Amino acid sequence: MNEPHGSKFFNGQYHLFYQHNPQIQYWNHIHWSHAVSSDLVRWRDVPFVLSPEKGDIAPDCCWSGGTVIDDEGVPVISYAAGDKRQDPDQSLAMARSSFLVDGNNDLIDWIKYSHYVATLPEGVGLRGNFRDPFVWKEESMWYMLVTTSIPGRGKRLGCRERVR
């Protein structure tokens, strides 16, 4: 397990998401694992939230990201989708909880968007360094902050974009 991200308090429970490769201790096929607590002391693991799937927009990895509650009161995850067939091999994706449909307070089932919400513009940043999306709302507008690296400088820079 690695890198907790996307923590959220929702309907009386704390949700902690973190990166995990269930197959081996290696940086490949990263999933979003998920633990739930009502008191921040006792935690229980629940099924994976996001998993890489063939034929999906993230066939290789579901990298880090964040969680927000949308305008309808439903949790939404933004994450870096890994696809080694693409260049660049990371784009930004989202998944929405099916909480309104199934009523499961553990937030076990999520529906991935079938398209990327943002891709690294050609000539900007480094391949494999377009990740860690952070989404927030100001007044009626949603925003996303994304990090990348500048070729030859190795530092990360943030790009603020409006999310539709």
C-alpha atoms as a PDB file:
ATOM      1  CA  MET A   1       0.000   0.000   0.000  1.00  0.00           C
ATOM      2  CA  ASN A   2       1.140   3.513  -0.674  1.00  0.00           C
ATOM      3  CA  GLU A   3       0.191   7.160  -0.757  1.00  0.00           C
ATOM      4  CA  PRO A   4      -3.135   7.886   0.906  1.00  0.00           C
ATOM      5  CA  HIS A   5      -5.250  10.322  -1.090  1.00  0.00           C
ATOM      6  CA  GLY A   6      -8.831  11.363  -1.661  1.00  0.00           C
ATOM      7  CA  SER A   7      -9.872  11.170   2.002  1.00  0.00           C
ATOM      8  CA  LYS A   8     -13.422  12.288   2.564  1.00  0.00           C
ATOM      9  CA  PHE A   9     -16.030  12.398   5.335  1.00  0.00           C
ATOM     10  CA  PHE A  10     -19.385  11.379   3.871  1.00  0.00           C
ATOM     11  CA  ASN A  11     -22.695  10.453   5.539  1.00  0.00           C
ATOM     12  CA  GLY A  12     -21.147   9.809   8.957  1.00  0.00           C
ATOM     13  CA  GLN A  13     -18.153   7.797   7.752  1.00  0.00           C
ATOM     14  CA  TYR A  14     -14.538   8.587   7.001  1.00  0.00           C
ATOM     15  CA  HIS A  15     -13.210   7.213   3.711  1.00  0.00           C
ATOM     16  CA  LEU A  16      -9.498   6.795   3.118  1.00  0.00           C
ATOM     17  CA  PHE A  17      -8.308   5.839  -0.354  1.00  0.00           C
ATOM     18  CA  TYR A  18      -4.755   4.758  -1.109  1.00  0.00           C
ATOM     19  CA  GLN A  19      -2.654   3.259  -3.886  1.00  0.00           C
ATOM     20  CA  HIS A  20      -2.198  -0.491  -3.876  1.00  0.00           C
ATOM     21  CA  ASN A  21      -0.953  -3.196  -6.218  1.00  0.00           C
ATOM     22  CA  PRO A  22      -2.713  -6.379  -5.083  1.00  0.00           C
ATOM     23  CA  GLN A  23      -0.499  -8.590  -7.263  1.00  0.00           C
ATOM     24  CA  ILE A  24       3.004  -7.688  -6.074  1.00  0.00           C
ATOM     25  CA  GLN A  25       4.998  -5.012  -4.244  1.00  0.00           C
ATOM     26  CA  TYR A  26       5.834  -3.155  -7.438  1.00  0.00           C
ATOM     27  CA  TRP A  27       4.793   0.093  -9.140  1.00  0.00           C
ATOM     28  CA  ASN A  28       2.464  -1.422 -11.676  1.00  0.00           C
ATOM     29  CA  HIS A  29      -1.273  -1.993 -12.014  1.00  0.00           C
ATOM     30  CA  ILE A  30      -2.001   0.469  -9.217  1.00  0.00           C
ATOM     31  CA  HIS A  31      -5.535   0.269  -7.784  1.00  0.00           C
ATOM     32  CA  TRP A  32      -7.375   2.605  -5.438  1.00  0.00           C
ATOM     33  CA  SER A  33      -7.873   0.661  -2.220  1.00  0.00           C
ATOM     34  CA  HIS A  34     -10.389   1.904   0.317  1.00  0.00           C
ATOM     35  CA  ALA A  35     -10.854   1.789   4.093  1.00  0.00           C
ATOM     36  CA  VAL A  36     -13.855   3.097   6.059  1.00  0.00           C
ATOM     37  CA  SER A  37     -14.211   4.236   9.690  1.00  0.00           C
ATOM     38  CA  SER A  38     -16.903   5.855  11.786  1.00  0.00           C
ATOM     39  CA  ASP A  39     -14.479   7.025  14.507  1.00  0.00           C
ATOM     40  CA  LEU A  40     -10.975   7.317  12.913  1.00  0.00           C
ATOM     41  CA  VAL A  41      -9.778   4.576  15.304  1.00  0.00           C
ATOM     42  CA  ARG A  42     -11.284   1.343  13.974  1.00  0.00           C
ATOM     43  CA  TRP A  43     -10.958   0.872  10.194  1.00  0.00           C
ATOM     44  CA  ARG A  44     -12.233  -1.813   7.887  1.00  0.00           C
ATOM     45  CA  ASP A  45     -11.151  -2.524   4.358  1.00  0.00           C
ATOM     46  CA  VAL A  46     -13.796  -2.489   1.660  1.00  0.00           C
ATOM     47  CA  PRO A  47     -13.426  -3.526  -2.003  1.00  0.00           C
ATOM     48  CA  PHE A  48     -11.232  -1.598  -4.443  1.00  0.00           C
ATOM     49  CA  VAL A  49     -12.741   1.619  -5.711  1.00  0.00           C
ATOM     50  CA  LEU A  50     -10.757   1.872  -8.964  1.00  0.00           C
ATOM     51  CA  SER A  51      -8.881  -0.847 -10.806  1.00  0.00           C
ATOM     52  CA  PRO A  52      -7.040  -0.835 -14.121  1.00  0.00           C
ATOM     53  CA  GLU A  53      -9.067  -2.726 -16.708  1.00  0.00           C
ATOM     54  CA  LYS A  54      -8.361  -3.742 -20.304  1.00  0.00           C
ATOM     55  CA  GLY A  55     -10.485  -1.808 -22.759  1.00  0.00           C
ATOM     56  CA  ASP A  56     -10.841   0.983 -20.198  1.00  0.00           C
ATOM     57  CA  ILE A  57      -9.306   4.476 -20.263  1.00  0.00           C
ATOM     58  CA  ALA A  58      -6.953   3.321 -17.472  1.00  0.00           C
ATOM     59  CA  PRO A  59      -5.788  -0.160 -18.534  1.00  0.00           C
ATOM     60  CA  ASP A  60      -2.451   0.025 -16.705  1.00  0.00           C
ATOM     61  CA  CYS A  61      -2.864   2.128 -13.535  1.00  0.00           C
ATOM     62  CA  CYS A  62      -5.254   4.279 -11.559  1.00  0.00           C
ATOM     63  CA  TRP A  63      -2.808   6.757 -10.050  1.00  0.00           C
ATOM     64  CA  SER A  64      -3.342   9.355  -7.337  1.00  0.00           C
ATOM     65  CA  GLY A  65      -5.984  12.034  -7.218  1.00  0.00           C
ATOM     66  CA  GLY A  66      -8.677  13.448  -4.984  1.00  0.00           C
ATOM     67  CA  THR A  67     -12.321  13.248  -4.005  1.00  0.00           C
ATOM     68  CA  VAL A  68     -15.035  15.914  -3.930  1.00  0.00           C
ATOM     69  CA  ILE A  69     -18.776  15.956  -3.335  1.00  0.00           C
ATOM     70  CA  ASP A  70     -20.523  17.133  -6.511  1.00  0.00           C
ATOM     71  CA  ASP A  71     -23.495  19.488  -6.838  1.00  0.00           C
ATOM     72  CA  GLU A  72     -25.918  16.579  -6.323  1.00  0.00           C
ATOM     73  CA  GLY A  73     -24.213  15.486  -3.085  1.00  0.00           C
ATOM     74  CA  VAL A  74     -22.426  12.490  -4.632  1.00  0.00           C
ATOM     75  CA  PRO A  75     -18.709  11.711  -4.170  1.00  0.00           C
ATOM     76  CA  VAL A  76     -16.587  12.025  -7.330  1.00  0.00           C
ATOM     77  CA  ILE A  77     -12.980  10.885  -7.711  1.00  0.00           C
ATOM     78  CA  SER A  78     -10.489  12.575 -10.013  1.00  0.00           C
ATOM     79  CA  TYR A  79      -7.408  10.467 -10.774  1.00  0.00           C
ATOM     80  CA  ALA A  80      -4.515  10.017 -13.171  1.00  0.00           C
ATOM     81  CA  ALA A  81      -5.342   7.239 -15.649  1.00  0.00           C
ATOM     82  CA  GLY A  82      -2.341   5.243 -16.841  1.00  0.00           C
ATOM     83  CA  ASP A  83      -2.294   3.872 -20.392  1.00  0.00           C
ATOM     84  CA  LYS A  84       1.157   2.830 -21.664  1.00  0.00           C
ATOM     85  CA  ARG A  85      -0.153   2.638 -25.251  1.00  0.00           C
ATOM     86  CA  GLN A  86      -0.587   6.438 -25.234  1.00  0.00           C
ATOM     87  CA  ASP A  87       1.984   9.199 -25.425  1.00  0.00           C
ATOM     88  CA  PRO A  88       1.782  10.849 -22.958  1.00  0.00           C
ATOM     89  CA  ASP A  89       0.862   7.808 -20.902  1.00  0.00           C
ATOM     90  CA  GLN A  90      -1.099   9.645 -18.205  1.00  0.00           C
ATOM     91  CA  SER A  91      -4.355  11.548 -18.595  1.00  0.00           C
ATOM     92  CA  LEU A  92      -6.943  12.672 -16.089  1.00  0.00           C
ATOM     93  CA  ALA A  93     -10.127  10.756 -15.476  1.00  0.00           C
ATOM     94  CA  MET A  94     -13.061  10.776 -13.074  1.00  0.00           C
ATOM     95  CA  ALA A  95     -15.394   8.268 -11.457  1.00  0.00           C
ATOM     96  CA  ARG A  96     -18.675   8.920  -9.683  1.00  0.00           C
ATOM     97  CA  SER A  97     -20.080   6.939  -6.768  1.00  0.00           C
ATOM     98  CA  SER A  98     -23.283   5.018  -7.466  1.00  0.00           C
ATOM     99  CA  PHE A  99     -24.471   5.982  -3.963  1.00  0.00           C
ATOM    100  CA  LEU A 100     -27.717   7.543  -5.239  1.00  0.00           C
ATOM    101  CA  VAL A 101     -28.594   4.302  -7.032  1.00  0.00           C
ATOM    102  CA  ASP A 102     -27.484   1.639  -4.562  1.00  0.00           C
ATOM    103  CA  GLY A 103     -27.572   3.617  -1.268  1.00  0.00           C
ATOM    104  CA  ASN A 104     -24.391   1.883  -0.087  1.00  0.00           C
ATOM    105  CA  ASN A 105     -22.823   4.187   2.519  1.00  0.00           C
ATOM    106  CA  ASP A 106     -19.480   2.353   2.184  1.00  0.00           C
ATOM    107  CA  LEU A 107     -19.164   3.829  -1.335  1.00  0.00           C
ATOM    108  CA  ILE A 108     -18.179   0.491  -2.816  1.00  0.00           C
ATOM    109  CA  ASP A 109     -19.453   0.925  -6.377  1.00  0.00           C
ATOM    110  CA  TRP A 110     -18.146   3.636  -8.691  1.00  0.00           C
ATOM    111  CA  ILE A 111     -18.803   4.390 -12.342  1.00  0.00           C
ATOM    112  CA  LYS A 112     -15.784   5.532 -14.338  1.00  0.00           C
ATOM    113  CA  TYR A 113     -16.296   8.227 -16.947  1.00  0.00           C
ATOM    114  CA  SER A 114     -15.753   6.729 -20.403  1.00  0.00           C
ATOM    115  CA  HIS A 115     -13.552   9.636 -21.521  1.00  0.00           C
ATOM    116  CA  TYR A 116     -10.629  11.649 -20.158  1.00  0.00           C
ATOM    117  CA  VAL A 117     -11.468  14.961 -18.528  1.00  0.00           C
ATOM    118  CA  ALA A 118      -8.030  16.414 -19.348  1.00  0.00           C
ATOM    119  CA  THR A 119      -4.950  15.407 -21.321  1.00  0.00           C
ATOM    120  CA  LEU A 120      -1.429  16.807 -21.294  1.00  0.00           C
ATOM    121  CA  PRO A 121      -1.152  19.364 -24.115  1.00  0.00           C
ATOM    122  CA  GLU A 122       1.440  18.505 -26.763  1.00  0.00           C
ATOM    123  CA  GLY A 123       4.827  20.056 -26.008  1.00  0.00           C
ATOM    124  CA  VAL A 124       4.028  20.782 -22.356  1.00  0.00           C
ATOM    125  CA  GLY A 125       5.504  18.830 -19.454  1.00  0.00           C
ATOM    126  CA  LEU A 126       7.144  15.420 -19.396  1.00  0.00           C
ATOM    127  CA  ARG A 127       5.728  12.036 -20.345  1.00  0.00           C
ATOM    128  CA  GLY A 128       4.652  10.173 -17.202  1.00  0.00           C
ATOM    129  CA  ASN A 129       4.366  13.381 -15.186  1.00  0.00           C
ATOM    130  CA  PHE A 130       0.774  14.573 -15.509  1.00  0.00           C
ATOM    131  CA  ARG A 131      -0.986  13.622 -12.330  1.00  0.00           C
ATOM    132  CA  ASP A 132      -2.210  14.391  -8.821  1.00  0.00           C
ATOM    133  CA  PRO A 133      -5.392  16.229  -9.864  1.00  0.00           C
ATOM    134  CA  PHE A 134      -6.991  18.335  -7.158  1.00  0.00           C
ATOM    135  CA  VAL A 135     -10.549  19.566  -7.776  1.00  0.00           C
ATOM    136  CA  TRP A 136     -12.453  22.279  -5.896  1.00  0.00           C
ATOM    137  CA  LYS A 137     -15.354  24.647  -6.368  1.00  0.00           C
ATOM    138  CA  GLU A 138     -15.379  28.431  -6.114  1.00  0.00           C
ATOM    139  CA  GLU A 139     -18.866  29.942  -6.220  1.00  0.00           C
ATOM    140  CA  SER A 140     -20.498  28.153  -9.198  1.00  0.00           C
ATOM    141  CA  MET A 141     -17.296  27.140 -11.052  1.00  0.00           C
ATOM    142  CA  TRP A 142     -15.338  23.894 -10.611  1.00  0.00           C
ATOM    143  CA  TYR A 143     -11.525  23.977 -10.989  1.00  0.00           C
ATOM    144  CA  MET A 144      -8.783  21.378 -11.284  1.00  0.00           C
ATOM    145  CA  LEU A 145      -5.129  21.816 -10.363  1.00  0.00           C
ATOM    146  CA  VAL A 146      -2.753  19.351 -12.047  1.00  0.00           C
ATOM    147  CA  THR A 147       0.994  18.865 -11.724  1.00  0.00           C
ATOM    148  CA  THR A 148       3.590  18.124 -14.378  1.00  0.00           C
ATOM    149  CA  SER A 149       7.341  18.591 -14.892  1.00  0.00           C
ATOM    150  CA  ILE A 150       9.124  20.987 -17.183  1.00  0.00           C
ATOM    151  CA  PRO A 151      11.673  19.290 -19.488  1.00  0.00           C
ATOM    152  CA  GLY A 152      15.230  20.031 -18.366  1.00  0.00           C
ATOM    153  CA  ARG A 153      14.165  21.568 -15.055  1.00  0.00           C
ATOM    154  CA  GLY A 154      12.646  18.568 -13.276  1.00  0.00           C
ATOM    155  CA  LYS A 155      10.361  20.712 -11.141  1.00  0.00           C
ATOM    156  CA  ARG A 156       6.632  20.382 -10.962  1.00  0.00           C
ATOM    157  CA  LEU A 157       4.329  23.164 -11.961  1.00  0.00           C
ATOM    158  CA  GLY A 158       0.633  23.509 -11.438  1.00  0.00           C
ATOM    159  CA  CYS A 159      -1.877  24.104 -14.205  1.00  0.00           C
ATOM    160  CA  ARG A 160      -5.270  25.437 -13.118  1.00  0.00           C
ATOM    161  CA  GLU A 161      -8.115  24.487 -15.455  1.00  0.00           C
ATOM    162  CA  ARG A 162     -11.879  24.827 -15.289  1.00  0.00           C
ATOM    163  CA  VAL A 163     -13.730  21.521 -15.154  1.00  0.00           C
ATOM    164  CA  ARG A 164     -16.991  21.165 -17.057  1.00  0.00           C
END
